[in-house]
C-alpha atoms as a PDB file:
ATOM      1  CA  MET A   1      84.516  87.523 -26.525  1.00  0.00           C
ATOM      2  CA  ASP A   2      84.591  90.309 -29.106  1.00  0.00           C
ATOM      3  CA  ALA A   3      87.689  92.027 -30.490  1.00  0.00           C
ATOM      4  CA  ALA A   4      87.088  95.276 -28.559  1.00  0.00           C
ATOM      5  CA  LYS A   5      86.990  93.421 -25.227  1.00  0.00           C
ATOM      6  CA  ILE A   6      90.126  91.490 -26.118  1.00  0.00           C
ATOM      7  CA  ALA A   7      91.882  94.764 -26.996  1.00  0.00           C
ATOM      8  CA  ARG A   8      90.820  96.311 -23.659  1.00  0.00           C
ATOM      9  CA  GLU A   9      91.978  93.264 -21.725  1.00  0.00           C
ATOM     10  CA  MET A  10      95.328  93.296 -23.496  1.00  0.00           C
ATOM     11  CA  ALA A  11      95.761  97.039 -22.919  1.00  0.00           C
ATOM     12  CA  SER A  12      95.291  96.459 -19.191  1.00  0.00           C
ATOM     13  CA  LEU A  13      98.301  94.145 -19.082  1.00  0.00           C
ATOM     14  CA  PRO A  14     101.878  95.298 -18.406  1.00  0.00           C
ATOM     15  CA  PRO A  15     104.094  95.692 -21.515  1.00  0.00           C
ATOM     16  CA  GLU A  16     105.942  92.399 -20.893  1.00  0.00           C
ATOM     17  CA  ALA A  17     102.640  90.494 -20.764  1.00  0.00           C
ATOM     18  CA  GLN A  18     101.406  92.255 -23.908  1.00  0.00           C
ATOM     19  CA  LYS A  19     104.527  91.044 -25.721  1.00  0.00           C
ATOM     20  CA  GLU A  20     103.809  87.507 -24.517  1.00  0.00           C
ATOM     21  CA  VAL A  21     100.268  87.740 -25.896  1.00  0.00           C
ATOM     22  CA  ILE A  22     101.604  88.893 -29.263  1.00  0.00           C
ATOM     23  CA  ASP A  23     104.200  86.097 -29.293  1.00  0.00           C
ATOM     24  CA  PHE A  24     101.512  83.557 -28.423  1.00  0.00           C
ATOM     25  CA  LEU A  25      99.286  84.804 -31.229  1.00  0.00           C
ATOM     26  CA  ALA A  26     102.185  84.445 -33.681  1.00  0.00           C
ATOM     27  CA  PHE A  27     102.718  80.884 -32.435  1.00  0.00           C
ATOM     28  CA  LEU A  28      99.037  80.037 -32.877  1.00  0.00           C
ATOM     29  CA  LYS A  29      99.036  81.462 -36.403  1.00  0.00           C
ATOM     30  CA  THR A  30     101.917  79.191 -37.416  1.00  0.00           C
ATOM     31  CA  ARG A  31     100.407  76.190 -35.660  1.00  0.00           C
ATOM     32  CA  TYR A  32      96.997  76.505 -37.274  1.00  0.00           C
ATOM     33  CA  ARG A  33      98.135  77.828 -40.641  1.00  0.00           C
ATOM     34  CA  SER A  34      96.295  76.049 -43.407  1.00  0.00           C
ATOM     35  CA  SER A  35      98.245  74.993 -46.443  1.00  0.00           C
ATOM     36  CA  PRO A  36      97.166  76.513 -49.752  1.00  0.00           C
ATOM     37  CA  ALA A  37      94.706  74.408 -51.721  1.00  0.00           C
ATOM     38  CA  GLY A  38      96.367  71.735 -53.792  1.00  0.00           C
ATOM     39  CA  THR A  39      99.686  71.779 -51.958  1.00  0.00           C
ATOM     40  CA  ARG A  40     100.308  69.015 -49.522  1.00  0.00           C
ATOM     41  CA  THR A  41     103.454  68.170 -47.698  1.00  0.00           C
ATOM     42  CA  ARG A  42     104.931  64.876 -48.730  1.00  0.00           C
ATOM     43  CA  ARG A  43     105.149  62.438 -45.846  1.00  0.00           C
ATOM     44  CA  ILE A  44     108.562  60.791 -45.635  1.00  0.00           C
ATOM     45  CA  LYS A  45     108.642  57.141 -44.671  1.00  0.00           C
ATOM     46  CA  LEU A  46     110.594  56.479 -41.483  1.00  0.00           C
ATOM     47  CA  THR A  47     112.730  53.905 -43.258  1.00  0.00           C
ATOM     48  CA  ASP A  48     113.876  56.622 -45.692  1.00  0.00           C
ATOM     49  CA  GLU A  49     115.253  58.812 -42.901  1.00  0.00           C
ATOM     50  CA  PRO A  50     119.058  59.063 -42.991  1.00  0.00           C
ATOM     51  CA  PHE A  51     119.521  57.946 -39.374  1.00  0.00           C
ATOM     52  CA  ILE A  52     117.925  54.546 -39.988  1.00  0.00           C
ATOM     53  CA  GLY A  53     120.690  51.964 -40.242  1.00  0.00           C
ATOM     54  CA  MET A  54     123.485  54.367 -39.358  1.00  0.00           C
ATOM     55  CA  TRP A  55     125.078  51.804 -37.030  1.00  0.00           C
ATOM     56  CA  ARG A  56     124.652  48.907 -39.415  1.00  0.00           C
ATOM     57  CA  GLY A  57     127.784  46.804 -39.610  1.00  0.00           C
ATOM     58  CA  ARG A  58     129.298  47.989 -36.320  1.00  0.00           C
ATOM     59  CA  LYS A  59     130.738  44.971 -34.527  1.00  0.00           C
ATOM     60  CA  ASP A  60     130.320  46.576 -31.077  1.00  0.00           C
ATOM     61  CA  MET A  61     126.586  46.993 -31.696  1.00  0.00           C
ATOM     62  CA  GLN A  62     125.747  43.377 -32.513  1.00  0.00           C
ATOM     63  CA  ASP A  63     124.406  42.851 -28.983  1.00  0.00           C
ATOM     64  CA  GLY A  64     122.757  46.110 -27.874  1.00  0.00           C
ATOM     65  CA  THR A  65     122.200  44.894 -24.317  1.00  0.00           C
ATOM     66  CA  ALA A  66     125.878  44.012 -23.863  1.00  0.00           C
ATOM     67  CA  TRP A  67     126.889  47.359 -25.356  1.00  0.00           C
ATOM     68  CA  VAL A  68     124.712  49.306 -22.897  1.00  0.00           C
ATOM     69  CA  ARG A  69     125.887  47.149 -19.982  1.00  0.00           C
ATOM     70  CA  ASN A  70     129.539  47.820 -20.907  1.00  0.00           C
ATOM     71  CA  LEU A  71     128.898  51.546 -21.345  1.00  0.00           C
ATOM     72  CA  ARG A  72     127.244  51.797 -17.933  1.00  0.00           C
ATOM     73  CA  GLN A  73     130.001  49.790 -16.275  1.00  0.00           C
ATOM     74  CA  CYS A  74     132.651  52.152 -17.691  1.00  0.00           C
ATOM     75  CA  GLN A  75     130.698  55.213 -16.521  1.00  0.00           C
ATOM     76  CA  TRP A  76     130.117  53.799 -13.040  1.00  0.00           C
ATOM     77  CA  GLU A  77     133.799  52.907 -12.614  1.00  0.00           C
ATOM     78  CA  ARG A  78     134.848  56.383 -13.728  1.00  0.00           C
ATOM     79  CA  GLY A  79     132.487  57.961 -11.166  1.00  0.00           C
ATOM     80  CA  ARG A  80     134.073  56.201  -8.180  1.00  0.00           C
END
């Protein structure tokens, strides 16, 4: 499809739909944007993320299954 046909098709749409087309094009541009040559984003290892180990040392989290079971029991009793 050539640019002139795309422009005609877009012009035939109502203004709200035209805005959606423009928004979608902006989304696609950000999604498929190529990084400049030589610059690469540094991949962060999952183990270096700050949330890893955030519950380390919590006594109530030693047994995750028991913790979830207790949490559910409290919620179910409150709902009665």
